[in-house]
Structures are given as structure tokens and as C-alpha cells.
Protein backbone atom coordinates (compact mmCIF):
# COMPACT_ATOMS: atom_id res chain seq x y z
CA UNK A 1 11.80 31.93 -1.41
CA UNK A 2 8.72 34.10 -1.50
CA UNK A 3 6.05 33.20 -4.08
CA UNK A 4 5.57 36.07 -6.53
CA UNK A 5 2.07 37.10 -7.64
CA UNK A 6 1.36 37.81 -10.35
CA UNK A 7 3.87 35.42 -11.88
CA UNK A 8 6.76 37.04 -13.74
CA UNK A 9 6.09 37.38 -17.44
CA UNK A 10 9.02 35.09 -18.30
CA UNK A 11 7.65 32.29 -16.12
CA UNK A 12 4.16 32.66 -17.59
CA UNK A 13 5.60 32.50 -21.09
CA UNK A 14 7.76 29.43 -20.41
CA UNK A 15 4.80 27.58 -18.88
CA UNK A 16 2.48 28.32 -21.80
CA UNK A 17 1.12 25.60 -24.06
CA UNK A 18 3.35 26.85 -26.89
CA UNK A 19 6.62 26.54 -24.96
CA UNK A 20 6.41 24.10 -22.02
CA UNK A 21 5.91 20.95 -24.15
CA UNK A 22 9.16 21.65 -26.02
CA UNK A 23 11.06 22.16 -22.77
CA UNK A 24 9.67 18.91 -21.33
CA UNK A 25 10.58 17.00 -24.49
CA UNK A 26 14.23 17.78 -23.86
CA UNK A 27 14.01 15.08 -21.19
CA UNK A 28 13.98 12.55 -24.02
CA UNK A 29 17.50 13.55 -25.06
CA UNK A 30 20.31 10.99 -25.02
CA UNK A 31 22.65 13.60 -23.53
CA UNK A 32 22.78 13.57 -19.73
CA UNK A 33 23.80 17.24 -19.51
CA UNK A 34 20.81 18.28 -21.61
CA UNK A 35 18.47 16.19 -19.46
CA UNK A 36 19.89 17.60 -16.23
CA UNK A 37 19.61 21.19 -17.46
CA UNK A 38 16.09 20.63 -18.79
CA UNK A 39 15.05 19.11 -15.46
CA UNK A 40 16.24 22.14 -13.53
CA UNK A 41 14.66 24.56 -15.99
CA UNK A 42 11.25 22.86 -16.11
CA UNK A 43 11.23 22.51 -12.33
CA UNK A 44 11.96 26.21 -11.82
CA UNK A 45 9.25 27.11 -14.30
CA UNK A 46 6.61 24.92 -12.63
CA UNK A 47 7.37 25.60 -8.96
CA UNK A 48 4.56 27.68 -7.44
CA UNK A 49 3.01 27.94 -10.88
CA UNK A 50 -0.64 26.85 -11.35
CA UNK A 51 -0.84 27.62 -15.07
CA UNK A 52 0.36 24.34 -16.61
CA UNK A 53 -2.50 22.05 -17.67
CA UNK A 54 -3.02 18.51 -16.37
CA UNK A 55 -2.39 17.15 -19.88
CA UNK A 56 0.97 18.90 -20.14
CA UNK A 57 1.97 17.70 -16.69
CA UNK A 58 1.05 14.06 -17.27
CA UNK A 59 3.17 13.81 -20.43
CA UNK A 60 6.04 15.55 -18.64
CA UNK A 61 5.80 12.98 -15.82
CA UNK A 62 6.19 10.13 -18.29
CA UNK A 63 9.21 11.86 -19.87
CA UNK A 64 10.80 12.47 -16.46
CA UNK A 65 10.43 8.86 -15.28
CA UNK A 66 11.85 7.68 -18.61
CA UNK A 67 14.79 10.06 -18.15
CA UNK A 68 15.39 8.84 -14.59
CA UNK A 69 15.67 5.27 -15.86
CA UNK A 70 18.20 6.25 -18.53
CA UNK A 71 20.35 8.90 -16.82
CA UNK A 72 21.40 7.86 -13.32
CA UNK A 73 23.97 10.66 -13.25
CA UNK A 74 21.19 13.24 -13.37
CA UNK A 75 19.00 11.43 -10.82
CA UNK A 76 18.92 14.24 -8.26
CA UNK A 77 17.75 16.89 -10.72
CA UNK A 78 15.20 14.57 -12.33
CA UNK A 79 13.83 13.46 -8.96
CA UNK A 80 13.29 17.08 -7.91
CA UNK A 81 11.43 17.66 -11.15
CA UNK A 82 9.26 14.55 -10.67
CA UNK A 83 8.28 15.77 -7.22
CA UNK A 84 7.16 19.16 -8.56
CA UNK A 85 5.39 17.58 -11.53
CA UNK A 86 3.50 15.17 -9.30
CA UNK A 87 2.47 17.87 -6.82
CA UNK A 88 1.25 20.20 -9.57
CA UNK A 89 -0.49 17.40 -11.43
CA UNK A 90 -2.45 16.28 -8.37
CA UNK A 91 -3.60 19.88 -7.80
CA UNK A 92 -4.54 20.34 -11.47
CA UNK A 93 -6.35 16.99 -11.60
CA UNK A 94 -8.30 17.75 -8.42
CA UNK A 95 -9.44 21.06 -9.90
CA UNK A 96 -10.42 19.30 -13.12
CA UNK A 97 -12.34 16.59 -11.25
CA UNK A 98 -14.47 19.23 -9.54
CA UNK A 99 -15.63 20.57 -12.89
CA UNK A 100 -15.97 17.36 -14.90
CA UNK A 101 -15.61 13.61 -14.67
CA UNK A 102 -12.10 12.60 -15.66
CA UNK A 103 -9.99 9.48 -15.29
CA UNK A 104 -6.93 10.24 -13.22
CA UNK A 105 -3.61 9.32 -14.79
CA UNK A 106 -0.49 9.85 -12.77
CA UNK A 107 2.66 8.30 -11.34
CA UNK A 108 0.57 5.50 -9.82
CA UNK A 109 0.06 4.18 -13.35
CA UNK A 110 3.81 3.69 -13.70
CA UNK A 111 5.21 3.18 -10.19
CA UNK A 112 4.22 1.09 -7.19
CA UNK A 113 2.20 3.04 -4.66
CA UNK A 114 5.08 2.85 -2.18
CA UNK A 115 7.26 4.97 -4.50
CA UNK A 116 4.41 7.41 -5.14
CA UNK A 117 3.96 7.81 -1.39
CA UNK A 118 7.70 8.36 -1.07
CA UNK A 119 7.74 11.22 -3.57
CA UNK A 120 4.78 12.78 -1.73
CA UNK A 121 6.23 12.61 1.77
CA UNK A 122 10.04 12.62 1.63
CA UNK A 123 12.78 14.75 0.05
CA UNK A 124 13.40 14.14 -3.64
CA UNK A 125 16.96 12.93 -2.96
CA UNK A 126 15.58 10.00 -0.92
CA UNK A 127 13.27 9.09 -3.80
CA UNK A 128 16.28 9.11 -6.14
CA UNK A 129 18.24 6.79 -3.85
CA UNK A 130 15.38 4.29 -3.42
CA UNK A 131 14.55 4.39 -7.14
CA UNK A 132 18.06 3.27 -7.99
CA UNK A 133 18.23 0.59 -5.29
CA UNK A 134 17.31 -3.08 -5.04
CA UNK A 135 15.16 -3.30 -1.93
CA UNK A 136 12.56 -5.66 -0.48
CA UNK A 137 11.18 -4.53 2.89
CA UNK A 138 7.80 -3.74 4.46
CA UNK A 139 8.24 -0.18 3.14
CA UNK A 140 9.50 -0.75 -0.42
CA UNK A 141 9.64 -3.53 -2.98
CA UNK A 142 11.69 -2.38 -5.96
CA UNK A 143 14.58 -3.87 -7.93
CA UNK A 144 16.39 -4.04 -11.25
CA UNK A 145 13.83 -6.31 -12.89
CA UNK A 146 11.05 -3.88 -12.04
CA UNK A 147 13.08 -0.96 -13.42
CA UNK A 148 13.75 -2.96 -16.60
CA UNK A 149 10.04 -3.67 -16.96
CA UNK A 150 9.23 0.02 -16.53
CA UNK A 151 11.92 1.04 -19.03
CA UNK A 152 10.61 -1.40 -21.65
CA UNK A 153 7.06 -0.18 -21.03
CA UNK A 154 7.95 3.49 -21.53
CA UNK A 155 10.39 2.81 -24.36
CA UNK A 156 7.69 0.97 -26.28
CA UNK A 157 5.31 3.87 -25.76
CA UNK A 158 7.72 6.71 -26.57
CA UNK A 159 9.93 5.20 -29.29
CA UNK A 160 7.85 6.38 -32.24
CA UNK A 161 7.65 9.93 -30.92
CA UNK A 162 11.39 10.02 -30.17
CA UNK A 163 12.06 9.12 -33.79
CA UNK A 164 9.63 11.76 -34.98
CA UNK A 165 11.34 14.33 -32.79
CA UNK A 166 14.70 13.54 -34.40
CA UNK A 167 13.20 14.31 -37.80
CA UNK A 168 11.15 17.31 -36.70
CA UNK A 169 12.40 19.19 -33.64
CA UNK A 170 9.18 21.26 -33.62
CA UNK A 171 6.97 18.18 -33.15
CA UNK A 172 4.80 18.12 -30.03
CA UNK A 173 3.81 14.96 -28.15
CA UNK A 174 0.04 14.52 -28.27
CA UNK A 175 -0.43 10.77 -27.71
CA UNK A 176 -2.42 9.22 -24.92
CA UNK A 177 -0.47 8.58 -21.69
CA UNK A 178 1.14 5.15 -21.19
CA UNK A 179 -1.09 2.32 -20.05
CA UNK A 180 -1.09 1.29 -16.41
CA UNK A 181 1.85 -1.01 -15.64
CA UNK A 182 1.33 -4.05 -13.43
CA UNK A 183 4.25 -5.59 -11.53
CA UNK A 184 4.22 -9.40 -11.05
CA UNK A 185 6.48 -8.92 -8.03
CA UNK A 186 3.55 -7.26 -6.23
CA UNK A 187 0.78 -9.60 -7.30
CA UNK A 188 0.50 -11.27 -3.88
CA UNK A 189 1.11 -8.12 -1.81
CA UNK A 190 -1.20 -5.53 -0.30
CA UNK A 191 0.05 -2.00 0.39
CA UNK A 192 -1.72 -0.20 3.24
CA UNK A 193 -0.70 2.96 5.10
CA UNK A 194 2.89 2.76 3.89
CA UNK A 195 3.45 -0.97 4.48
CA UNK A 196 3.58 -4.06 2.29
CA UNK A 197 1.61 -6.38 4.54
CA UNK A 198 3.15 -9.74 3.63
CA UNK A 199 6.61 -8.38 4.37
CA UNK A 200 5.38 -6.72 7.56
CA UNK A 201 4.03 -10.08 8.74
CA UNK A 202 7.37 -11.79 8.04
CA UNK A 203 8.68 -11.50 11.60
CA UNK A 204 11.65 -13.74 10.84
CA UNK A 205 13.05 -11.30 8.26
CA UNK A 206 11.79 -8.09 9.85
CA UNK A 207 11.41 -8.72 13.59
CA UNK A 208 11.84 -5.10 14.67
CA UNK A 209 10.33 -3.18 11.77
CA UNK A 210 8.80 0.01 13.21
CA UNK A 211 5.09 0.79 12.93
CA UNK A 212 4.79 4.56 13.32
CA UNK A 213 1.02 4.88 13.79
CA UNK A 214 -0.40 1.51 14.93
CA UNK A 215 -4.02 2.70 15.45
CA UNK A 216 -4.19 4.22 11.96
CA UNK A 217 -2.66 1.10 10.39
CA UNK A 218 -4.98 -1.21 12.32
CA UNK A 219 -8.06 0.80 11.31
CA UNK A 220 -7.01 0.83 7.65
CA UNK A 221 -6.30 -2.92 7.65
CA UNK A 222 -9.62 -3.72 9.35
CA UNK A 223 -11.48 -1.57 6.81
CA UNK A 224 -9.77 -3.39 3.93
CA UNK A 225 -10.47 -6.74 5.61
CA UNK A 226 -14.16 -6.02 6.04
CA UNK A 227 -14.38 -5.17 2.33
CA UNK A 228 -12.69 -8.45 1.17
CA UNK A 229 -14.24 -11.96 0.57
CA UNK A 230 -13.90 -14.54 3.41
CA UNK A 231 -12.01 -17.19 1.44
CA UNK A 232 -9.62 -14.95 -0.47
CA UNK A 233 -5.87 -14.73 0.08
CA UNK A 234 -6.34 -11.00 0.62
CA UNK A 235 -8.69 -11.62 3.55
CA UNK A 236 -6.28 -14.15 5.05
CA UNK A 237 -3.33 -11.74 4.77
CA UNK A 238 -5.32 -8.84 6.23
CA UNK A 239 -6.37 -11.04 9.15
CA UNK A 240 -2.79 -12.15 9.81
CA UNK A 241 -1.64 -8.53 9.63
CA UNK A 242 -3.96 -7.57 12.47
CA UNK A 243 -2.38 -10.26 14.66
CA UNK A 244 1.06 -8.92 13.73
CA UNK A 245 0.11 -5.33 14.58
CA UNK A 246 -1.18 -6.36 18.01
CA UNK A 247 1.94 -8.46 18.63
CA UNK A 248 4.28 -5.61 17.72
CA UNK A 249 2.35 -2.68 19.19
CA UNK A 250 0.42 -3.93 22.20
CA UNK A 251 1.45 -1.04 24.44
CA UNK A 252 0.30 1.61 21.96
CA UNK A 253 -2.99 -0.15 21.23
CA UNK A 254 -3.86 -0.52 24.91
CA UNK A 255 -6.00 2.62 24.78
CA UNK A 256 -7.87 1.77 21.57
CA UNK A 257 -10.87 -0.51 21.11
CA UNK A 258 -10.72 -3.11 18.35
CA UNK A 259 -13.09 -2.12 15.50
CA UNK A 260 -13.63 -5.48 13.79
CA UNK A 261 -15.44 -7.77 16.23
CA UNK A 262 -18.53 -8.11 14.06
CA UNK A 263 -16.67 -9.94 11.32
CA UNK A 264 -14.25 -11.66 13.69
CA UNK A 265 -17.09 -13.34 15.59
CA UNK A 266 -18.84 -14.23 12.35
CA UNK A 267 -15.71 -16.15 11.33
CA UNK A 268 -15.79 -18.02 14.61
CA UNK A 269 -19.46 -18.91 14.06
CA UNK A 270 -18.50 -20.39 10.68
CA UNK A 271 -15.86 -22.59 12.30
CA UNK A 272 -18.15 -25.61 12.24
CA UNK A 273 -17.32 -25.92 8.54
CA UNK A 274 -13.68 -26.71 9.38
CA UNK A 275 -12.87 -30.41 9.26
CA UNK A 276 -10.48 -31.26 12.11
CA UNK A 277 -8.89 -34.37 10.71
CA UNK A 278 -5.49 -35.55 11.88
CA UNK A 279 -2.47 -33.49 10.83
CA UNK A 280 -1.33 -36.09 8.28
CA UNK A 281 -4.69 -36.56 6.57
CA UNK A 282 -5.77 -32.92 6.48
CA UNK A 283 -6.04 -31.57 2.91
CA UNK A 284 -4.76 -28.23 1.63
CA UNK A 285 -8.17 -26.52 1.82
CA UNK A 286 -8.78 -27.77 5.35
CA UNK A 287 -5.32 -26.63 6.45
CA UNK A 288 -6.04 -23.19 5.02
CA UNK A 289 -9.34 -23.02 6.89
CA UNK A 290 -7.66 -24.11 10.12
CA UNK A 291 -4.90 -21.52 9.69
CA UNK A 292 -7.53 -18.82 9.19
CA UNK A 293 -9.41 -19.99 12.27
CA UNK A 294 -6.22 -20.00 14.35
CA UNK A 295 -5.42 -16.46 13.22
CA UNK A 296 -8.96 -15.45 14.16
CA UNK A 297 -8.52 -16.91 17.64
CA UNK A 298 -5.07 -15.28 18.00
CA UNK A 299 -6.52 -11.91 17.07
CA UNK A 300 -9.35 -12.39 19.53
CA UNK A 301 -6.92 -13.21 22.34
CA UNK A 302 -4.48 -10.40 21.44
CA UNK A 303 -7.17 -7.75 21.27
CA UNK A 304 -8.72 -8.76 24.60
CA UNK A 305 -5.36 -9.04 26.38
CA UNK A 306 -4.15 -5.69 25.00
CA UNK A 307 -7.16 -3.56 26.01
CA UNK A 308 -9.47 -5.64 28.25
CA UNK A 309 -11.49 -2.74 29.63
CA UNK A 310 -12.38 -1.52 26.15
CA UNK A 311 -12.56 -4.74 24.15
CA UNK A 312 -14.41 -6.99 26.56
CA UNK A 313 -17.27 -4.50 26.45
CA UNK A 314 -17.14 -4.52 22.65
CA UNK A 315 -17.14 -8.32 22.61
CA UNK A 316 -20.17 -8.46 24.88
CA UNK A 317 -21.99 -5.99 22.64
CA UNK A 318 -21.72 -8.59 19.86
CA UNK A 319 -22.54 -11.54 22.16
CA UNK A 320 -18.92 -12.65 22.00
CA UNK A 321 -19.01 -14.78 25.15
CA UNK A 322 -21.81 -16.91 23.71
CA UNK A 323 -19.93 -17.41 20.45
CA UNK A 324 -16.73 -18.45 22.24
CA UNK A 325 -18.59 -20.80 24.61
CA UNK A 326 -20.39 -22.49 21.73
CA UNK A 327 -17.13 -23.05 19.85
CA UNK A 328 -15.42 -24.39 22.98
CA UNK A 329 -18.21 -26.90 23.50
CA UNK A 330 -17.84 -28.10 19.91
CA UNK A 331 -14.08 -28.43 20.30
CA UNK A 332 -14.39 -30.48 23.47
CA UNK A 333 -16.80 -32.83 21.71
CA UNK A 334 -14.37 -33.28 18.83
CA UNK A 335 -11.48 -33.87 21.21
CA UNK A 336 -13.52 -36.57 22.93
CA UNK A 337 -13.64 -38.39 19.60
CA UNK A 338 -9.86 -38.75 19.79
CA UNK A 339 -9.17 -36.36 16.90
CA UNK A 340 -5.58 -35.25 17.46
CA UNK A 341 -4.20 -32.24 15.65
CA UNK A 342 -1.72 -29.70 16.94
CA UNK A 343 -3.89 -26.96 15.43
CA UNK A 344 -6.96 -28.10 17.37
CA UNK A 345 -5.06 -28.07 20.64
CA UNK A 346 -3.66 -24.61 19.89
CA UNK A 347 -7.13 -23.31 19.08
CA UNK A 348 -8.52 -24.67 22.32
CA UNK A 349 -5.70 -23.04 24.31
CA UNK A 350 -6.24 -19.65 22.62
CA UNK A 351 -9.95 -19.65 23.38
CA UNK A 352 -9.39 -20.71 26.98
CA UNK A 353 -6.85 -17.91 27.45
CA UNK A 354 -9.37 -15.43 26.10
CA UNK A 355 -12.05 -16.72 28.45
CA UNK A 356 -9.68 -16.44 31.41
CA UNK A 357 -9.16 -12.74 30.67
CA UNK A 358 -12.88 -12.18 30.22
CA UNK A 359 -13.72 -14.04 33.41
CA UNK A 360 -11.85 -11.45 35.45
CA UNK A 361 -14.26 -8.78 34.22
CA UNK A 362 -17.47 -8.27 36.18
CA UNK A 363 -19.44 -7.68 32.95
CA UNK A 364 -18.96 -11.36 32.04
CA UNK A 365 -20.00 -12.90 35.38
CA UNK A 366 -23.76 -12.79 34.98
């Protein structure tokens, strides 16, 4: 409908600091009908209404998530409310941040970023469906154990106030918001541009998972990679993700230059630290280093093969041909010492394939 300005007097009154907290606290009721009705009422009050404060909205968000965990039958109404609360809270918090320094509390303190992104970009009914599901994909990781952990977290925070409210219905919640909740299920994942990267790289489970904007995802992953430490698991996963993106989206990326050659070539220069022992005698650390080096070489080959006209020029700008030639010379010397590993042979093949593509370009013939 059409937004009314000024707001009707009834809506202004219901969104005031004297009334709105009591309406939001109805979400703590044990009665599903009360929760559903309160969700619809608070949502209608807050839609297209800038008057509620950030503090009021953040407590209402905690109540709404708690209600969604306890009243599946009212999920649609509660999800619609959560969407409005989140939208209004972000606007209120942005306005507050312009006037003073403030720590932002919001749904991201309670929910994985994938669910926060979902409530921001999709209809509320889809959020309600995913919230109640057990799912483990490149888009969402969420299940019953995570919901139980969230319920226990909020229950522990809100129990004392719920008891107070039973004794004094005029009480108003004035505690600090719940602490940030960490999920062990996500401890080895990275979420970038709408994708959990470890799941995205699992081509056996998700061979045809769509990537809707490959250039944007690649740029975001490269930026995160350049900001991570060389030996970390995060850096290794971000490197492997770039190979996966090129493998899945070569046609789309054919008109884009690769933005990460500076670090990629630096990793190749550091390859002399890798000990190429035989497969059987190679330790865990050495295997990890070799895997990282192989992923680096795969990314180099994929990027050059996908957009040779653009990326060969970029490589030459960073003296890439010299780096590759130096590494090839070192590999040939090691092979001459009768050091046999499948990884070493694969690395040599990847670098030779890259050189073959570069050799067809006139810029590399001098």
C-alpha cells in the first residue's frame, strides 16, 4: 500500500517507548495464538515506521527469534516480523552510527550470516522454511543441533525476565542483548558472497551447484585470500575456491582478468621451501605445502587458459614467465635426482601446460 505521512496517530502511539516494548514482550508467551497475533500487530506497527529506537528493535529481534524456535505453527507470521525488525534495525543503527560510535548488535549475533543474508534478500516465507529445515549445502548450513544451541542460548538469557514478567505484567525488558553465539559446525567454514566455500569446493557432493555472479565471487574470494596468512587453513581454502570457481565458470570468466597474480606468483617463488620427498615418506606438513603448491599451479593454468589475452599480459606485468621458468628448472633438477612423487609430476605437467598457452602469445616470445 501507499506509505502515509505523517504517520497515523494510532501507529505513532503504538510504536512509542511506552507501548512498543509491551507489545514485543508478548512474543515471549507460551501461547501460539498470542505469539502469532503479536507478531502481526508489531509488524504492522513497524512497517514504514522510522520512530522505533535501535534499542527497542534489538530486544524485539531477540524475542522474535526465541518465539520462532518455540512456535513452529506461527513461523510465517514470526518470520515476516523478523524481516521487518531486521530492516528497521539496520536503518536505525546506520543513522546512529553516523552520529556516534556504537557497537552493532543484530541478527548476525544470533544466526549464521547465510540466514541473515536470506532474510535480507528473499521472502520471509523462504526464511521460515529454511529455518525449520536440516540443510547442509554451499548456500546454507543449519540443522536441529544448531537450533537447539540457539534455543539454549536465548533461553538462558531470557529466563529470568520471563519469570519476572509472570509476576509483574508491567515489567519492561532492559537487559543487555544476548552475547554473540558461535556455532562449532561453522568453525572450519568461510562464508563469502552467499556461499560456504568448503561446501562449494566439494565437487563430489555438489557437482552442479550454480554460481550466479562468478566475477563478484572471484573478486571477493581473492580479496579475502590476500588478507589471510600464507600457512593458514583459511588461505588454503580460499586458494582452492578460486580453482573451483574457474573450473565451474570458465566461460563467464573469459572476459575478466585475474586480480591476484601478485600473491600467486609470490607463492610460486616460495616453492623452494617444499620438500619433494617420495609419497610414502612425505610428512603431513610437507603434504600440505605440496597441496597448496599444486592448487597454486592449477589456478595459474586455469586463469591463463580461461582468458589468455587478458591474463598473459597480467602475468608478464609481474614477471610471471621468469617465475615459472625458474620453478621449472628447479623441478627438472629434482626429477634428475630420481625423486618420484605423483604430486611432483602433476606440478610439472601443470606448469608446462601453462607455458604452452603462453608460448602462443607474441608478448612471451622475446
